Every structure is written in structure tokens, then in C-alpha cells.
Amino acid sequence: MTEHRILRTVALPLGVAVLFLLLTPKLCERAITEAKSQRPIVPQSTEPTKAGLVIASSTPAPGSAPDLQFPRGLDAARIQYLVEIDPAFSTPSTMAVTPAAPITEQLIRLQYVEKHPDGTLAPTREGFINVNGAIDSSDGWTVPVAVRKFRGVEAIKDADDGRFNVTVLWQWQPTAIGAAVIPRPQDHRVVAEFGGGEGHWVLMRWVSEPDRELR
């Protein structure tokens, strides 16, 4: 009697364990099947995948004349970078604020400059805040009126010994207070000599330095 009771006690958990082992794989398989059926279908692109790092830029590439033969490693973008970091090109055009200066009337109208009873001109608090790059000295107030803007590469000429003379097209870009000085910017040209070779190109010198005429 006792043995029969023991067998009955042991048989119940064993039956449950066997049932669990039989049902679990089928439940798992059903769950996987349902998950796959609910997965959204993503259409495969027919376009070839580009390898490597792809960088999208909103800055347009610098312009250049058609049919130019660039030496290896020196393109319009590299030329623009080397030109724009050179002080001879990046230094803005400035103008002293005097009674006869063409920008003085506008500065007074904007309340950036005030005229004292003795006739002298002096910057106001608003002028110091709003006119970036201005210099106040004993000789008076000097303000930037325009900066050079790179427009493109017009010509490339082999200068021998691995050097090239590049003709760059540029314009004056007036500042907020310099619009009256240059109402319609015109094209300027400058010739720069590049050397160093692929991977080491540098601006060696200005064959003709950027002019300072405001037009």
C-alpha cells in the first residue's frame, strides 16, 4: 500500500515534466512563426551600395573654368582653402570713420557713431556691440567694410619645377555697414603660385597680390 502511494506521488511530477518538455518546443516554434509574419517587409534597393564613409555637404563646390587641367592632388577646393587662410587674402578692407568717409552718414543713422560738439566722431555703445572687427585708437575709429570672397579658379599655368600659377577669381563682399561703399561688387583676379606636389601643396607666393581697390 505504501509503495503504491509512493509511486503515485512520484508519477505526477514526472508526467508534468514530460508534458512540459513536449509542449515547450512547439510553443516556441509557434511564437517565432508569428513574430516573422508580423515583421514589416523592407523593400530591397536595386541601387549599388557605396563603400566607405560618405559625407554630405551643403556647401557648394568652388567654381572653375571648363577644361582646366589640375595637377594631381590640387583641385579647386584645395586652392580655395589655401587662398582663404592666407592673410593677404583674408584680411578685410577697413575704413576710418571721418566726416568725409562714405560710411559715416550710415553709421550716424544707425546710432553706431555720434558727433560731438567739437566736430569729432566717436563710436557709441551700440556701435561697439554691433560692428565686429572695429578698432578704436587715438587716430579714430576704424571699421571693416568688406571681405574678399573666393569665386573660382579661372586658369592654371605650369610654372616649371613642379609649380603652378593659378588665376583666382574673387569679389568684395560688403559688411552690413559697407553696402554703401560697394553697391555692386565686381570681379577681381589674382595670381598665386602653388608648389609642393601631391599631398603637400602649399601657396608659395602671390605672383600679384590681391588688390585693395573697392569696386
Protein backbone atom coordinates (compact mmCIF):
# COMPACT_ATOMS: atom_id res chain seq x y z
CA MET A 1 0.00 0.00 0.00
CA THR A 2 2.79 2.33 0.93
CA GLU A 3 4.77 1.55 -2.25
CA HIS A 4 1.70 2.20 -4.39
CA ARG A 5 1.24 5.62 -2.76
CA ILE A 6 4.92 6.49 -3.32
CA LEU A 7 4.69 5.58 -6.99
CA ARG A 8 1.58 7.71 -7.38
CA THR A 9 3.33 10.67 -5.71
CA VAL A 10 6.39 10.42 -7.96
CA ALA A 11 4.44 9.78 -11.16
CA LEU A 12 2.56 13.09 -11.04
CA PRO A 13 5.61 15.45 -11.21
CA LEU A 14 7.24 13.20 -13.80
CA GLY A 15 4.17 13.43 -16.01
CA VAL A 16 4.12 17.19 -15.71
CA ALA A 17 7.82 17.39 -16.60
CA VAL A 18 7.35 15.20 -19.69
CA LEU A 19 4.36 17.25 -20.82
CA PHE A 20 6.38 20.49 -20.40
CA LEU A 21 9.25 19.09 -22.44
CA LEU A 22 6.92 18.06 -25.26
CA LEU A 23 4.90 21.27 -25.44
CA THR A 24 7.67 23.89 -24.98
CA PRO A 25 9.41 23.44 -28.41
CA LYS A 26 6.05 23.65 -30.22
CA LEU A 27 5.09 26.83 -28.34
CA CYS A 28 8.46 28.41 -29.12
CA GLU A 29 8.18 27.47 -32.80
CA ARG A 30 4.68 28.98 -32.97
CA ALA A 31 5.88 32.23 -31.33
CA ILE A 32 8.78 32.56 -33.77
CA THR A 33 6.47 31.93 -36.74
CA GLU A 34 4.03 34.60 -35.56
CA ALA A 35 6.83 37.12 -34.99
CA LYS A 36 8.16 36.59 -38.52
CA SER A 37 4.70 37.04 -40.02
CA GLN A 38 4.31 40.37 -38.19
CA ARG A 39 7.72 41.75 -39.22
CA PRO A 40 7.38 44.62 -41.77
CA ILE A 41 8.67 43.86 -45.23
CA VAL A 42 11.51 46.21 -46.24
CA PRO A 43 11.96 46.50 -49.99
CA GLN A 44 15.49 45.84 -51.15
CA SER A 45 17.16 48.67 -53.00
CA THR A 46 18.33 47.94 -56.53
CA GLU A 47 20.96 50.71 -56.32
CA PRO A 48 24.54 49.62 -55.59
CA THR A 49 25.76 50.34 -52.08
CA LYS A 50 28.63 52.82 -51.80
CA ALA A 51 31.54 51.57 -49.75
CA GLY A 52 33.38 53.73 -47.24
CA LEU A 53 32.43 56.94 -45.47
CA VAL A 54 30.03 59.16 -47.40
CA ILE A 55 29.86 62.81 -46.29
CA ALA A 56 27.04 65.04 -47.49
CA SER A 57 27.88 68.75 -47.53
CA SER A 58 25.56 71.70 -48.05
CA THR A 59 28.49 73.90 -49.14
CA PRO A 60 28.68 74.14 -52.95
CA ALA A 61 31.98 73.25 -54.57
CA PRO A 62 34.01 76.25 -55.79
CA GLY A 63 33.54 77.10 -59.41
CA SER A 64 36.24 76.69 -62.05
CA ALA A 65 36.59 77.32 -65.75
CA PRO A 66 35.86 74.33 -68.01
CA ASP A 67 38.64 72.11 -69.34
CA LEU A 68 41.18 73.07 -66.68
CA GLN A 69 43.94 70.54 -66.12
CA PHE A 70 44.57 70.37 -62.37
CA PRO A 71 47.80 68.75 -61.19
CA ARG A 72 47.35 65.63 -59.09
CA GLY A 73 46.18 66.46 -55.56
CA LEU A 74 45.43 70.12 -56.28
CA ASP A 75 41.78 70.80 -57.05
CA ALA A 76 39.52 73.87 -56.78
CA ALA A 77 38.55 73.10 -53.17
CA ARG A 78 42.19 72.81 -52.05
CA ILE A 79 43.09 76.03 -53.85
CA GLN A 80 40.19 77.84 -52.19
CA TYR A 81 41.25 76.66 -48.73
CA LEU A 82 44.88 77.71 -49.18
CA VAL A 83 43.88 81.10 -50.62
CA GLU A 84 41.33 81.88 -47.91
CA ILE A 85 43.68 81.16 -44.99
CA ASP A 86 46.41 83.42 -46.35
CA PRO A 87 46.45 86.81 -44.54
CA ALA A 88 46.91 88.73 -47.78
CA PHE A 89 43.51 87.44 -48.89
CA SER A 90 41.63 87.06 -45.60
CA THR A 91 42.46 90.49 -44.15
CA PRO A 92 39.34 92.67 -44.53
CA SER A 93 39.27 96.10 -46.08
CA THR A 94 38.85 98.80 -43.42
CA MET A 95 37.93 102.45 -43.46
CA ALA A 96 38.47 105.22 -40.92
CA VAL A 97 35.31 106.95 -39.73
CA THR A 98 35.87 110.58 -40.67
CA PRO A 99 33.44 113.36 -41.62
CA ALA A 100 34.22 112.77 -45.29
CA ALA A 101 34.06 108.94 -45.23
CA PRO A 102 31.17 107.45 -47.29
CA ILE A 103 30.15 105.17 -44.39
CA THR A 104 29.94 107.86 -41.71
CA GLU A 105 26.41 109.01 -42.57
CA GLN A 106 25.07 105.48 -42.32
CA LEU A 107 26.88 104.85 -39.01
CA ILE A 108 25.32 108.02 -37.57
CA ARG A 109 21.91 106.97 -38.83
CA LEU A 110 22.29 103.56 -37.17
CA GLN A 111 23.44 105.34 -33.99
CA TYR A 112 26.75 103.49 -34.08
CA VAL A 113 28.63 106.80 -34.16
CA GLU A 114 27.85 110.12 -32.53
CA LYS A 115 29.13 113.56 -33.41
CA HIS A 116 30.47 115.67 -30.57
CA PRO A 117 30.04 119.48 -30.39
CA ASP A 118 33.69 119.96 -31.38
CA GLY A 119 33.04 118.04 -34.62
CA THR A 120 34.81 114.83 -33.65
CA LEU A 121 33.20 111.44 -34.19
CA ALA A 122 33.16 108.65 -31.61
CA PRO A 123 31.62 105.17 -31.51
CA THR A 124 28.59 104.58 -29.31
CA ARG A 125 27.87 101.61 -27.09
CA GLU A 126 25.66 100.17 -29.84
CA GLY A 127 28.50 100.64 -32.30
CA PHE A 128 30.94 98.64 -30.18
CA ILE A 129 28.35 95.86 -29.83
CA ASN A 130 27.21 95.63 -33.45
CA VAL A 131 30.30 96.42 -35.54
CA ASN A 132 32.56 93.36 -35.39
CA GLY A 133 36.26 93.87 -36.03
CA ALA A 134 36.27 97.63 -35.41
CA ILE A 135 39.38 99.21 -33.89
CA ASP A 136 39.28 102.25 -31.63
CA SER A 137 42.60 104.09 -31.48
CA SER A 138 43.96 107.55 -30.83
CA ASP A 139 43.60 108.25 -34.56
CA GLY A 140 39.88 107.47 -34.50
CA TRP A 141 37.52 104.57 -35.15
CA THR A 142 38.35 102.15 -37.99
CA VAL A 143 35.72 99.68 -39.20
CA PRO A 144 35.77 96.73 -41.66
CA VAL A 145 33.73 97.45 -44.77
CA ALA A 146 34.32 94.34 -46.92
CA VAL A 147 35.95 90.91 -47.03
CA ARG A 148 37.24 89.02 -50.05
CA LYS A 149 35.03 86.22 -51.34
CA PHE A 150 36.58 83.37 -53.36
CA ARG A 151 34.61 82.79 -56.57
CA GLY A 152 36.56 80.20 -58.50
CA VAL A 153 39.61 79.15 -60.49
CA GLU A 154 39.95 80.81 -63.87
CA ALA A 155 43.27 79.47 -65.19
CA ILE A 156 46.20 77.19 -64.33
CA LYS A 157 49.64 77.56 -65.89
CA ASP A 158 52.64 75.29 -65.42
CA ALA A 159 55.46 77.40 -63.95
CA ASP A 160 58.09 74.60 -64.18
CA ASP A 161 59.90 72.87 -61.29
CA GLY A 162 56.63 71.35 -60.11
CA ARG A 163 54.99 74.73 -59.51
CA PHE A 164 51.78 76.12 -60.97
CA ASN A 165 50.44 79.65 -61.33
CA VAL A 166 46.72 79.73 -60.60
CA THR A 167 44.48 82.64 -61.54
CA VAL A 168 41.78 83.06 -58.90
CA LEU A 169 38.56 84.96 -59.39
CA TRP A 170 37.18 86.83 -56.35
CA GLN A 171 34.87 89.67 -55.28
CA TRP A 172 34.50 92.02 -52.36
CA GLN A 173 31.67 91.02 -50.04
CA PRO A 174 30.46 94.13 -48.19
CA THR A 175 29.80 94.00 -44.47
CA ALA A 176 26.47 95.19 -43.08
CA ILE A 177 27.79 98.76 -42.92
CA GLY A 178 29.82 98.57 -46.14
CA ALA A 179 26.99 98.10 -48.62
CA ALA A 180 27.02 101.82 -49.46
CA VAL A 181 30.72 101.61 -50.33
CA ILE A 182 30.38 98.66 -52.75
CA PRO A 183 26.80 98.59 -54.07
CA ARG A 184 27.66 96.26 -56.97
CA PRO A 185 30.76 94.11 -56.38
CA GLN A 186 32.82 93.41 -59.48
CA ASP A 187 35.17 90.55 -60.29
CA HIS A 188 38.83 90.76 -59.28
CA ARG A 189 41.67 88.49 -60.32
CA VAL A 190 44.81 87.43 -58.53
CA VAL A 191 47.59 85.01 -59.43
CA ALA A 192 49.01 82.65 -56.79
CA GLU A 193 51.90 80.21 -57.16
CA PHE A 194 51.42 76.71 -55.70
CA GLY A 195 54.10 74.11 -55.10
CA GLY A 196 54.95 71.08 -53.01
CA GLY A 197 53.39 68.27 -55.01
CA GLU A 198 50.62 65.79 -54.26
CA GLY A 199 49.70 65.68 -50.57
CA HIS A 200 51.91 68.69 -49.81
CA TRP A 201 50.53 71.54 -51.90
CA VAL A 202 51.03 75.00 -50.40
CA LEU A 203 50.62 78.58 -51.57
CA MET A 204 54.23 79.55 -52.22
CA ARG A 205 53.73 83.23 -53.08
CA TRP A 206 51.45 85.76 -54.71
CA VAL A 207 52.58 86.50 -58.25
CA SER A 208 50.32 89.55 -57.99
CA GLU A 209 48.85 90.27 -54.56
CA PRO A 210 45.09 90.80 -54.13
CA ASP A 211 44.33 94.42 -54.91
CA ARG A 212 42.63 96.68 -52.39
CA GLU A 213 40.51 98.75 -54.72
CA LEU A 214 36.90 98.74 -53.53
CA ARG A 215 34.82 98.03 -56.60
